[in-house]
Protein backbone atom coordinates (compact mmCIF):
# COMPACT_ATOMS: atom_id res chain seq x y z
CA MET A 1 -0.93 -15.99 9.50
CA ALA A 2 -1.65 -12.78 7.59
CA VAL A 3 1.21 -10.86 6.01
CA ASP A 4 0.38 -7.22 5.34
CA ILE A 5 2.09 -4.19 3.90
CA PHE A 6 0.58 -0.95 5.16
CA CYS A 7 0.59 1.67 2.40
CA TYR A 8 0.24 5.23 3.68
CA CYS A 9 -0.59 7.65 0.85
CA ALA A 10 -0.66 11.44 0.51
CA THR A 11 -3.54 11.19 -1.96
CA GLN A 12 -7.18 11.45 -0.90
CA VAL A 13 -9.27 8.27 -0.71
CA ASP A 14 -11.02 8.70 -4.07
CA GLU A 15 -7.76 9.29 -5.95
CA THR A 16 -6.08 6.40 -4.16
CA ASP A 17 -8.98 4.10 -5.08
CA ARG A 18 -8.64 5.12 -8.75
CA LYS A 19 -4.96 4.19 -8.63
CA ILE A 20 -5.82 0.85 -7.00
CA ALA A 21 -8.29 0.08 -9.81
CA GLN A 22 -5.58 0.86 -12.35
CA MET A 23 -3.08 -1.37 -10.53
CA ARG A 24 -5.51 -4.27 -10.47
CA SER A 25 -6.05 -3.86 -14.21
CA ASP A 26 -2.39 -3.36 -15.16
CA ARG A 27 -0.72 -5.83 -12.80
CA THR A 28 -2.90 -8.94 -12.77
CA ASP A 29 0.31 -10.95 -12.21
CA LEU A 30 0.45 -9.45 -8.72
CA PHE A 31 -2.97 -8.13 -7.79
CA ALA A 32 -5.36 -10.73 -9.24
CA ASN A 33 -4.51 -13.51 -6.77
CA SER A 34 -1.02 -13.30 -5.24
CA PHE A 35 -1.72 -10.08 -3.34
CA LEU A 36 -4.98 -8.42 -2.35
CA LEU A 37 -5.42 -4.65 -2.19
CA SER A 38 -7.99 -3.19 0.18
CA SER A 39 -9.98 -0.12 -0.69
CA ALA A 40 -8.43 3.09 0.60
CA LYS A 41 -9.61 4.50 3.88
CA PRO A 42 -8.95 7.91 5.42
CA LEU A 43 -6.18 8.07 7.98
CA GLN A 44 -7.13 8.33 11.64
CA GLU A 45 -4.99 10.44 13.98
CA VAL A 46 -2.79 7.54 15.15
CA GLU A 47 -2.26 6.45 11.53
CA ARG A 48 -1.26 10.01 10.58
CA GLU A 49 1.33 9.88 13.35
CA ILE A 50 2.70 6.55 12.09
CA ALA A 51 2.89 7.92 8.53
CA SER A 52 4.64 11.05 9.78
CA GLN A 53 7.19 9.04 11.76
CA ALA A 54 7.86 6.99 8.60
CA GLY A 55 8.51 10.17 6.61
CA LEU A 56 5.11 11.00 5.09
CA GLU A 57 4.08 14.34 6.56
CA ASN A 58 0.85 14.80 4.59
CA GLY A 59 -0.73 11.35 4.82
CA ALA A 60 -4.39 11.17 3.79
CA SER A 61 -5.26 7.53 3.04
CA LEU A 62 -4.27 3.98 3.94
CA VAL A 63 -4.33 0.80 1.86
CA LEU A 64 -3.54 -2.72 3.05
CA LEU A 65 -1.64 -4.91 0.62
CA ARG A 66 -2.10 -8.49 1.85
CA LEU A 67 -0.24 -11.62 0.81
CA ASN A 68 -2.95 -13.96 -0.47
CA ASP A 69 -0.88 -16.74 -2.05
CA LYS A 70 1.87 -17.88 0.31
CA SER A 71 3.95 -19.15 -2.62
CA SER A 72 4.33 -15.48 -3.63
CA ALA A 73 5.96 -14.42 -0.34
CA ALA A 74 9.29 -13.85 -2.11
CA ARG A 75 7.55 -11.15 -4.19
CA LEU A 76 6.62 -8.89 -1.25
CA ALA A 77 9.21 -6.24 -2.13
CA GLU A 78 8.15 -6.37 -5.79
CA ALA A 79 4.50 -5.83 -4.81
CA ALA A 80 5.42 -2.88 -2.58
CA TYR A 81 7.53 -1.37 -5.39
CA ALA A 82 4.70 -1.87 -7.89
CA PHE A 83 2.29 -0.13 -5.52
CA ARG A 84 4.63 2.83 -5.00
CA SER A 85 5.22 3.18 -8.75
CA TYR A 86 1.64 4.45 -9.23
CA PHE A 87 2.29 7.47 -7.00
CA GLU A 88 4.58 10.48 -7.18
CA ASP A 89 7.90 10.18 -5.37
CA GLY A 90 7.53 10.94 -1.70
CA SER A 91 3.74 10.57 -1.68
CA VAL A 92 3.57 7.02 -0.34
CA VAL A 93 5.27 5.02 2.42
CA THR A 94 5.05 1.22 2.55
CA LEU A 95 5.63 -0.53 5.88
CA PHE A 96 5.90 -4.30 6.31
CA GLU A 97 3.46 -5.27 9.07
CA GLY A 98 3.03 -1.55 9.74
CA GLU A 99 6.53 -1.18 11.15
CA LYS A 100 9.46 -1.82 8.81
CA PRO A 101 9.94 0.12 5.54
CA ILE A 102 9.78 -2.13 2.50
């Protein structure tokens, strides 16, 4: 069973991808094996609506943060926090399974 955190970002795809590359380099403890980060993709209309309902009015890109090593499940909140720390306050929303803020 996949466990995903949907990361809605206000940054454009290219900037988001640069931040992802930096995360992978800086946080190998999380993003080398325990969690996988997808490449950013532009938000579609329905995804913009989800981001808006979650409090991100200017959403531009989406990243999936996937649990890869089930023994790291207790670190989900830590991984979401680490992801958010690479962005300005208010420019990213993380939702567990696309529904619940984490």
